[in-house]
Amino acid sequence: MKSLRHAVALLVPGLFALGGAMTLLVLSIARRVVLPAKRPADVEILAVDTGAQTIELTRTPDTELPGRYGLFTTGTHGYVKLGAVLGADSGTVRRKLLTQIEPGARVDRAAAFSGWYYSSPSELHLRWENVLIGSPAGPCPAWYFPAASKTWVIQIHGRGVTRAECLRAVPVLHAAGLPNLVISYRNDGEAPRSRSGAYALGAAEWRDVDAAISYAVRRGAERVVLMGWSMGGAVALQTALNSGNRSRVAGLILESPVVDWRGVLRFQAKKAGMRAPLPDLAMSALSAPLTARLSGADEAISFDRLDIVARAEELDLPILILHSDDDGFVPADASHALQRARPDIVTMPRFSVARHTKLWNYDQMGWSAAITDWLRDQGLSASA
C-alpha cells in the first residue's frame, strides 16, 4: 500500500506533465469508468414479420445464441421478448418473437440486446410488494418477494442497469423457500443520486446493501445470502468484507462478477482499441483524490481494496460463482483465480458459450440447478 501511494503521488504531477491533450484523454477515460452511461444500441432490427411473429436482427455473438432474451427498442414497443433462433446466415439472425407485435406497429432499427427477459415483478406471478430502504444515500426502492424462511436473499444488480436485471433469479430462489429483496443503490437511476452521480465500483455502494441487510433483519431475517450480478458482485464482496452486519451474511452467489476491476478495465480497453498505458493511467487517476474528482468521482477509489483475489484470505463464507468462460465483457479469469485461491469456500461450476450475465438465458436448467444444489449443500435452502 505504501508503494502504491508513492506511485500515485508521483503520477499526479506526471500526468499533468504529459500535456493538456493527454491529461484530458486520461480523465475522459476515467470519467467513462465511473459515470453511468445510457444503454447503448448494439444491434439493428432488420425486419419484423407480424404475421409469423418473427424478428430479424444483425448477427452478433449475443444474438446468435439459443435461449430467451429481451430487446430494448423504441417506437410502439419499448421492450420485447425473444425466443428461439429460427434461422441465421453470416450477417443476420431470425428469432421467434414472444411479445405480440401487431400490424402497423412502429419498431425502430436501433435496439439493445438484453438478458433481462423479465422487465416487471408482476410477470413472475409471485406475491410481491414495493418497499423503501433507508440508506446513507437516501430512500432506495426495492421489491420484496415474501417466503417462509428466516434466510433472505438480497439481490444486487450490475453497472448501467436497474434491479429488473435480477428478476430471473427470483423463481429459483423462491422455490428454495427464500424471501427475495431486490434492491436499488445510489446512482442507478432509481435510488438517490450522490453528489457527483458517479459509481464507486463497489467502494461506496456496499453501504446501501448494508442498509438492506439491516432492513431485512428488522423484518425478521436471521441471516442473508447476497446475490450480485456483474458489478453487483463487486458490491456484494465489499459488503461481505466491510459490513457491520457481516455476521448475518451466510453466503454469496456471484453472477458474472467483477472480482478484480483492473483486469476487467484492461480487457474492455483492449476491446475498444485503447492502447497501454491509457487504462492504467485512468485507474491511477481515479486512485488519487484530486484527479478522481476531476474525473467525476465523489472520492478516490482504491483498486487494491477492490481486488478480491489479492484479499482472498479475508473471506470466510461460502461463495458460489456462476461465470461463463465466454463471457465477452467481464473475463472469468479473476473468478477462476479466486476459486483456486480459496477452493475451501468457493464453488465454481464450469459454464461456457453463454455471454455476460446471460447464463440463465442460455442454460436455464443448468444455472438453476447450480444454485439449487449449492443452497442445499450449504444448508441454506428451506424447501423440502
Protein backbone atom coordinates (compact mmCIF):
# COMPACT_ATOMS: atom_id res chain seq x y z
CA MET A 1 0.00 0.00 0.00
CA LYS A 2 2.86 2.40 0.83
CA SER A 3 4.48 1.81 -2.55
CA LEU A 4 1.10 2.37 -4.29
CA ARG A 5 0.57 5.69 -2.50
CA HIS A 6 4.08 6.71 -3.53
CA ALA A 7 3.38 5.74 -7.16
CA VAL A 8 0.12 7.71 -7.17
CA ALA A 9 1.87 10.74 -5.62
CA LEU A 10 4.36 10.63 -8.46
CA LEU A 11 1.68 10.04 -11.07
CA VAL A 12 -0.47 13.13 -10.45
CA PRO A 13 2.16 15.75 -11.36
CA GLY A 14 3.45 13.40 -14.03
CA LEU A 15 0.00 13.14 -15.57
CA PHE A 16 -0.25 16.90 -15.99
CA ALA A 17 3.32 16.95 -17.32
CA LEU A 18 2.15 14.71 -20.16
CA GLY A 19 0.43 17.71 -21.68
CA GLY A 20 -3.07 19.07 -21.81
CA ALA A 21 -4.35 16.76 -24.54
CA MET A 22 -3.09 13.59 -22.88
CA THR A 23 -4.37 14.68 -19.48
CA LEU A 24 -7.82 15.36 -20.87
CA LEU A 25 -7.81 11.99 -22.63
CA VAL A 26 -6.90 10.10 -19.45
CA LEU A 27 -9.51 11.97 -17.41
CA SER A 28 -12.11 11.31 -20.12
CA ILE A 29 -11.39 7.58 -19.95
CA ALA A 30 -11.59 7.65 -16.15
CA ARG A 31 -14.90 9.52 -16.38
CA ARG A 32 -16.36 6.79 -18.60
CA VAL A 33 -15.47 4.22 -15.94
CA VAL A 34 -17.43 5.87 -13.14
CA LEU A 35 -20.23 7.83 -14.76
CA PRO A 36 -23.38 5.88 -15.62
CA ALA A 37 -23.94 5.68 -19.37
CA LYS A 38 -27.16 5.25 -21.28
CA ARG A 39 -27.85 1.74 -22.53
CA PRO A 40 -26.05 1.60 -25.90
CA ALA A 41 -27.77 0.35 -29.04
CA ASP A 42 -25.75 -2.71 -30.01
CA VAL A 43 -27.97 -4.42 -32.59
CA GLU A 44 -30.16 -3.45 -35.54
CA ILE A 45 -33.68 -4.67 -36.17
CA LEU A 46 -33.73 -5.51 -39.87
CA ALA A 47 -37.28 -6.81 -40.24
CA VAL A 48 -40.38 -7.72 -38.22
CA ASP A 49 -42.93 -10.22 -39.53
CA THR A 50 -46.11 -9.51 -37.55
CA GLY A 51 -47.91 -12.44 -39.18
CA ALA A 52 -45.35 -15.09 -38.24
CA GLN A 53 -44.28 -13.12 -35.13
CA THR A 54 -40.57 -13.28 -36.01
CA ILE A 55 -37.84 -10.67 -35.93
CA GLU A 56 -34.62 -10.38 -37.94
CA LEU A 57 -31.55 -8.90 -36.23
CA THR A 58 -27.95 -8.29 -37.09
CA ARG A 59 -25.87 -11.29 -36.09
CA THR A 60 -23.60 -10.79 -33.08
CA PRO A 61 -22.02 -13.15 -30.52
CA ASP A 62 -25.08 -12.44 -28.33
CA THR A 63 -27.96 -12.51 -30.84
CA GLU A 64 -26.88 -15.81 -32.40
CA LEU A 65 -27.16 -17.86 -29.20
CA PRO A 66 -30.18 -20.02 -28.30
CA GLY A 67 -32.35 -19.17 -25.32
CA ARG A 68 -34.82 -16.48 -24.22
CA TYR A 69 -33.73 -12.85 -24.20
CA GLY A 70 -35.05 -9.30 -24.30
CA LEU A 71 -34.67 -6.40 -26.69
CA PHE A 72 -34.93 -2.72 -25.75
CA THR A 73 -36.48 -0.86 -28.67
CA THR A 74 -38.10 2.46 -29.45
CA GLY A 75 -41.39 3.08 -31.19
CA THR A 76 -44.63 1.32 -30.29
CA HIS A 77 -42.85 -1.17 -28.01
CA GLY A 78 -40.16 -0.25 -25.52
CA TYR A 79 -39.22 -3.82 -24.72
CA VAL A 80 -39.91 -7.14 -26.45
CA LYS A 81 -39.08 -10.72 -25.57
CA LEU A 82 -37.24 -13.03 -27.92
CA GLY A 83 -37.36 -16.81 -28.20
CA ALA A 84 -35.70 -19.49 -30.31
CA VAL A 85 -33.32 -18.90 -33.20
CA LEU A 86 -35.21 -19.91 -36.34
CA GLY A 87 -32.51 -19.28 -38.89
CA ALA A 88 -29.25 -17.43 -39.46
CA ASP A 89 -26.72 -16.55 -42.12
CA SER A 90 -23.35 -14.79 -41.94
CA GLY A 91 -24.85 -11.41 -41.06
CA THR A 92 -28.39 -11.91 -39.75
CA VAL A 93 -30.37 -13.93 -37.22
CA ARG A 94 -34.10 -14.63 -37.32
CA ARG A 95 -35.74 -15.31 -33.95
CA LYS A 96 -39.21 -16.02 -32.63
CA LEU A 97 -40.99 -13.06 -31.04
CA LEU A 98 -42.51 -13.87 -27.65
CA THR A 99 -44.07 -10.42 -27.37
CA GLN A 100 -47.07 -9.91 -29.67
CA ILE A 101 -46.36 -7.13 -32.17
CA GLU A 102 -49.47 -6.02 -34.01
CA PRO A 103 -49.60 -5.00 -37.69
CA GLY A 104 -48.82 -1.32 -38.14
CA ALA A 105 -46.67 -1.07 -35.02
CA ARG A 106 -43.55 1.09 -35.37
CA VAL A 107 -40.33 -0.58 -34.30
CA ASP A 108 -37.18 1.48 -34.88
CA ARG A 109 -33.99 -0.10 -36.16
CA ALA A 110 -31.67 0.71 -33.26
CA ALA A 111 -32.04 -1.69 -30.32
CA ALA A 112 -30.17 -3.07 -27.32
CA PHE A 113 -29.95 -6.82 -26.73
CA SER A 114 -30.58 -7.85 -23.13
CA GLY A 115 -30.53 -10.85 -20.84
CA TRP A 116 -33.18 -9.40 -18.54
CA TYR A 117 -36.13 -11.21 -20.13
CA TYR A 118 -38.47 -10.11 -17.31
CA SER A 119 -38.94 -6.36 -17.03
CA SER A 120 -41.50 -6.21 -14.21
CA PRO A 121 -42.02 -8.23 -10.99
CA SER A 122 -45.67 -8.80 -11.91
CA GLU A 123 -44.51 -11.09 -14.75
CA LEU A 124 -43.30 -13.68 -12.22
CA HIS A 125 -46.82 -14.34 -10.85
CA LEU A 126 -45.50 -14.34 -7.29
CA ARG A 127 -46.63 -12.23 -4.37
CA TRP A 128 -44.51 -9.10 -4.09
CA GLU A 129 -44.56 -5.57 -2.73
CA ASN A 130 -42.77 -2.27 -3.23
CA VAL A 131 -40.67 -1.22 -0.23
CA LEU A 132 -38.26 1.61 0.58
CA ILE A 133 -34.92 1.02 2.29
CA GLY A 134 -33.40 3.92 4.17
CA SER A 135 -29.71 4.03 3.27
CA PRO A 136 -26.94 6.62 3.72
CA ALA A 137 -27.76 7.74 0.17
CA GLY A 138 -31.47 8.19 0.96
CA PRO A 139 -34.58 6.05 0.41
CA CYS A 140 -33.78 3.24 -2.07
CA PRO A 141 -36.74 1.46 -3.71
CA ALA A 142 -36.79 -2.34 -3.64
CA TRP A 143 -39.05 -5.24 -4.49
CA TYR A 144 -39.79 -7.73 -1.74
CA PHE A 145 -40.94 -11.28 -2.54
CA PRO A 146 -42.00 -12.93 0.74
CA ALA A 147 -41.41 -16.57 1.67
CA ALA A 148 -41.32 -18.56 4.89
CA SER A 149 -37.58 -18.87 5.57
CA LYS A 150 -35.63 -16.71 8.01
CA THR A 151 -32.82 -16.69 5.44
CA TRP A 152 -33.33 -13.89 2.95
CA VAL A 153 -31.65 -13.29 -0.41
CA ILE A 154 -30.67 -9.72 -1.23
CA GLN A 155 -30.06 -9.24 -4.94
CA ILE A 156 -27.75 -6.52 -6.29
CA HIS A 157 -27.83 -5.53 -9.95
CA GLY A 158 -24.90 -4.52 -12.14
CA ARG A 159 -23.49 -1.35 -13.65
CA GLY A 160 -25.61 0.71 -16.01
CA VAL A 161 -28.79 -1.31 -15.42
CA THR A 162 -31.54 -1.49 -12.81
CA ARG A 163 -32.94 -4.10 -10.44
CA ALA A 164 -35.11 -5.69 -13.15
CA GLU A 165 -31.90 -7.47 -14.19
CA CYS A 166 -32.25 -9.65 -11.09
CA LEU A 167 -35.82 -10.89 -11.66
CA ARG A 168 -34.64 -14.04 -13.49
CA ALA A 169 -33.25 -15.41 -10.24
CA VAL A 170 -36.34 -14.85 -8.10
CA PRO A 171 -38.24 -18.03 -9.11
CA VAL A 172 -35.41 -20.48 -8.33
CA LEU A 173 -34.65 -18.74 -5.02
CA HIS A 174 -38.35 -18.57 -4.13
CA ALA A 175 -38.67 -22.29 -4.93
CA ALA A 176 -35.95 -22.86 -2.31
CA GLY A 177 -38.24 -21.12 0.21
CA LEU A 178 -36.16 -17.94 0.47
CA PRO A 179 -37.60 -14.41 0.61
CA ASN A 180 -36.09 -12.10 -2.01
CA LEU A 181 -35.23 -8.44 -1.59
CA VAL A 182 -34.30 -6.98 -4.99
CA ILE A 183 -32.69 -3.63 -4.28
CA SER A 184 -31.56 -0.43 -5.95
CA TYR A 185 -28.49 1.55 -4.90
CA ARG A 186 -27.09 5.05 -5.28
CA ASN A 187 -26.74 6.49 -8.80
CA ASP A 188 -28.53 3.64 -10.59
CA GLY A 189 -31.36 5.87 -11.84
CA GLU A 190 -33.91 4.58 -9.29
CA ALA A 191 -32.17 5.21 -5.97
CA PRO A 192 -30.96 8.65 -4.86
CA ARG A 193 -28.05 10.35 -6.56
CA SER A 194 -24.79 11.10 -4.78
CA ARG A 195 -23.13 14.49 -5.14
CA SER A 196 -21.35 13.55 -8.38
CA GLY A 197 -23.78 10.89 -9.59
CA ALA A 198 -20.80 8.60 -10.21
CA TYR A 199 -20.30 4.92 -9.47
CA ALA A 200 -17.65 3.97 -6.92
CA LEU A 201 -17.36 0.44 -8.43
CA GLY A 202 -18.48 -1.12 -5.15
CA ALA A 203 -16.38 1.02 -2.81
CA ALA A 204 -19.40 3.09 -1.68
CA GLU A 205 -22.43 1.18 -2.96
CA TRP A 206 -21.93 -1.56 -0.35
CA ARG A 207 -23.27 0.85 2.29
CA ASP A 208 -26.69 0.73 0.61
CA VAL A 209 -26.56 -3.07 0.71
CA ASP A 210 -25.59 -2.90 4.38
CA ALA A 211 -28.74 -0.84 4.94
CA ALA A 212 -30.74 -3.50 3.10
CA ILE A 213 -29.36 -6.17 5.44
CA SER A 214 -30.44 -4.07 8.43
CA TYR A 215 -33.88 -3.71 6.85
CA ALA A 216 -34.14 -7.50 6.39
CA VAL A 217 -33.09 -8.13 9.99
CA ARG A 218 -35.75 -5.72 11.25
CA ARG A 219 -38.30 -7.63 9.17
CA GLY A 220 -37.32 -10.96 10.76
CA ALA A 221 -34.34 -12.22 8.76
CA GLU A 222 -31.78 -14.11 10.81
CA ARG A 223 -29.23 -14.40 8.01
CA VAL A 224 -28.89 -13.28 4.40
CA VAL A 225 -27.41 -14.51 1.15
CA LEU A 226 -26.12 -11.76 -1.13
CA MET A 227 -26.50 -12.31 -4.86
CA GLY A 228 -24.59 -9.87 -7.04
CA TRP A 229 -24.71 -9.52 -10.81
CA SER A 230 -21.63 -8.19 -12.66
CA MET A 231 -20.60 -5.02 -10.76
CA GLY A 232 -23.19 -6.13 -8.19
CA GLY A 233 -20.77 -8.98 -7.47
CA ALA A 234 -18.09 -6.44 -6.57
CA VAL A 235 -20.63 -4.66 -4.36
CA ALA A 236 -21.60 -7.95 -2.66
CA LEU A 237 -17.94 -8.80 -1.98
CA GLN A 238 -17.28 -5.36 -0.49
CA THR A 239 -20.37 -5.76 1.70
CA ALA A 240 -19.17 -9.14 2.93
CA LEU A 241 -15.78 -7.64 3.85
CA ASN A 242 -16.88 -4.28 5.27
CA SER A 243 -20.42 -4.51 6.60
CA GLY A 244 -21.20 -4.10 10.26
CA ASN A 245 -23.78 -6.81 9.55
CA ARG A 246 -21.22 -9.23 8.09
CA SER A 247 -22.01 -11.83 10.76
CA ARG A 248 -25.51 -12.04 9.24
CA VAL A 249 -24.15 -12.86 5.76
CA ALA A 250 -24.38 -16.63 5.28
CA GLY A 251 -23.10 -16.83 1.71
CA LEU A 252 -22.61 -15.15 -1.65
CA ILE A 253 -23.92 -16.01 -5.10
CA LEU A 254 -21.93 -14.13 -7.74
CA GLU A 255 -23.29 -14.00 -11.30
CA SER A 256 -20.72 -12.95 -13.96
CA PRO A 257 -18.99 -10.97 -11.19
CA VAL A 258 -16.31 -8.32 -11.19
CA VAL A 259 -13.76 -9.82 -8.80
CA ASP A 260 -10.87 -7.51 -9.77
CA TRP A 261 -11.54 -4.26 -11.63
CA ARG A 262 -8.05 -3.92 -13.10
CA GLY A 263 -8.39 -6.98 -15.30
CA VAL A 264 -11.89 -6.01 -16.41
CA LEU A 265 -10.95 -2.45 -17.36
CA ARG A 266 -7.81 -3.54 -19.21
CA PHE A 267 -9.83 -6.14 -21.11
CA GLN A 268 -12.53 -3.65 -22.09
CA ALA A 269 -9.95 -1.03 -23.06
CA LYS A 270 -8.23 -3.52 -25.35
CA LYS A 271 -11.57 -4.41 -26.96
CA ALA A 272 -12.17 -0.71 -27.57
CA GLY A 273 -8.79 -0.38 -29.31
CA MET A 274 -7.24 1.57 -26.46
CA ARG A 275 -3.51 1.13 -26.07
CA ALA A 276 -1.46 0.78 -22.90
CA PRO A 277 -0.77 2.59 -20.67
CA LEU A 278 -4.04 4.54 -21.02
CA PRO A 279 -6.27 2.21 -18.93
CA ASP A 280 -3.69 2.07 -16.13
CA LEU A 281 -3.29 5.85 -16.21
CA ALA A 282 -7.08 6.21 -15.96
CA MET A 283 -7.20 3.87 -12.95
CA SER A 284 -4.33 5.75 -11.33
CA ALA A 285 -6.23 9.00 -11.90
CA LEU A 286 -9.24 7.51 -10.10
CA SER A 287 -6.98 6.44 -7.22
CA ALA A 288 -5.88 9.97 -6.30
CA PRO A 289 -8.30 12.46 -4.66
CA LEU A 290 -7.66 15.41 -7.00
CA THR A 291 -7.77 13.55 -10.30
CA ALA A 292 -10.63 11.34 -9.07
CA ARG A 293 -12.74 14.46 -8.55
CA LEU A 294 -11.64 15.85 -11.91
CA SER A 295 -12.81 12.53 -13.42
CA GLY A 296 -16.26 12.96 -11.90
CA ALA A 297 -15.94 10.63 -8.90
CA ASP A 298 -17.06 11.58 -5.39
CA GLU A 299 -13.78 10.38 -3.90
CA ALA A 300 -10.67 8.38 -4.73
CA ILE A 301 -11.17 4.68 -5.46
CA SER A 302 -8.70 2.12 -4.09
CA PHE A 303 -8.32 -0.58 -6.72
CA ASP A 304 -6.26 -2.60 -4.23
CA ARG A 305 -9.28 -2.85 -1.93
CA LEU A 306 -11.44 -3.91 -4.88
CA ASP A 307 -9.02 -6.72 -5.82
CA ILE A 308 -10.63 -9.71 -4.12
CA VAL A 309 -8.13 -12.23 -5.47
CA ALA A 310 -5.42 -10.41 -3.52
CA ARG A 311 -7.73 -10.25 -0.49
CA ALA A 312 -8.94 -13.85 -0.77
CA GLU A 313 -7.71 -14.81 2.70
CA GLU A 314 -10.04 -12.25 4.25
CA LEU A 315 -13.12 -14.14 3.03
CA ASP A 316 -14.74 -16.56 5.45
CA LEU A 317 -18.09 -17.60 3.97
CA PRO A 318 -19.29 -19.95 1.21
CA ILE A 319 -19.36 -18.48 -2.30
CA LEU A 320 -20.99 -19.74 -5.49
CA ILE A 321 -19.59 -18.22 -8.69
CA LEU A 322 -21.58 -18.54 -11.92
CA HIS A 323 -19.38 -17.24 -14.73
CA SER A 324 -19.11 -18.23 -18.38
CA ASP A 325 -15.64 -18.69 -19.84
CA ASP A 326 -17.04 -16.97 -22.95
CA ASP A 327 -18.49 -14.00 -21.04
CA GLY A 328 -17.09 -11.48 -23.52
CA PHE A 329 -17.38 -8.45 -21.21
CA VAL A 330 -16.11 -9.39 -17.74
CA PRO A 331 -13.45 -12.08 -18.21
CA ALA A 332 -13.78 -15.12 -15.95
CA ASP A 333 -10.02 -15.15 -15.18
CA ALA A 334 -10.33 -13.44 -11.79
CA SER A 335 -13.27 -15.67 -10.83
CA HIS A 336 -11.16 -18.75 -11.57
CA ALA A 337 -8.23 -17.21 -9.68
CA LEU A 338 -10.43 -16.67 -6.62
CA GLN A 339 -11.64 -20.27 -6.81
CA ARG A 340 -8.04 -21.51 -6.99
CA ALA A 341 -7.05 -19.27 -4.07
CA ARG A 342 -9.96 -20.42 -1.88
CA PRO A 343 -11.15 -23.87 -3.02
CA ASP A 344 -12.31 -24.44 0.57
CA ILE A 345 -15.13 -21.92 0.26
CA VAL A 346 -15.60 -21.16 -3.47
CA THR A 347 -17.76 -23.38 -5.68
CA MET A 348 -17.50 -22.61 -9.40
CA PRO A 349 -19.24 -24.99 -11.81
CA ARG A 350 -17.94 -24.75 -15.37
CA PHE A 351 -20.01 -22.74 -17.85
CA SER A 352 -19.13 -21.72 -21.39
CA VAL A 353 -20.70 -20.28 -24.57
CA ALA A 354 -23.11 -18.03 -22.63
CA ARG A 355 -22.42 -14.30 -22.72
CA HIS A 356 -22.18 -11.77 -19.89
CA THR A 357 -24.97 -12.17 -17.27
CA LYS A 358 -26.85 -14.42 -19.73
CA LEU A 359 -26.23 -17.86 -18.21
CA TRP A 360 -29.90 -18.16 -17.23
CA ASN A 361 -30.91 -17.27 -20.77
CA TYR A 362 -28.63 -19.80 -22.44
CA ASP A 363 -28.82 -22.66 -19.92
CA GLN A 364 -31.67 -22.05 -17.50
CA MET A 365 -31.75 -25.65 -16.24
CA GLY A 366 -28.01 -25.88 -15.58
CA TRP A 367 -27.86 -22.43 -13.99
CA SER A 368 -30.89 -23.08 -11.76
CA ALA A 369 -29.60 -26.50 -10.73
CA ALA A 370 -26.24 -24.99 -9.73
CA ILE A 371 -27.99 -22.53 -7.40
CA THR A 372 -30.44 -25.10 -6.00
CA ASP A 373 -27.69 -27.66 -5.31
CA TRP A 374 -25.40 -25.09 -3.68
CA LEU A 375 -28.15 -23.76 -1.41
CA ARG A 376 -28.97 -27.31 -0.33
CA ASP A 377 -25.31 -28.23 0.22
CA GLN A 378 -24.76 -25.12 2.37
CA GLY A 379 -27.88 -25.79 4.43
CA LEU A 380 -29.49 -22.57 3.20
CA SER A 381 -32.47 -23.98 1.34
CA ALA A 382 -35.81 -24.03 3.13
CA SER A 383 -37.54 -26.32 0.62
CA ALA A 384 -38.15 -29.97 1.31
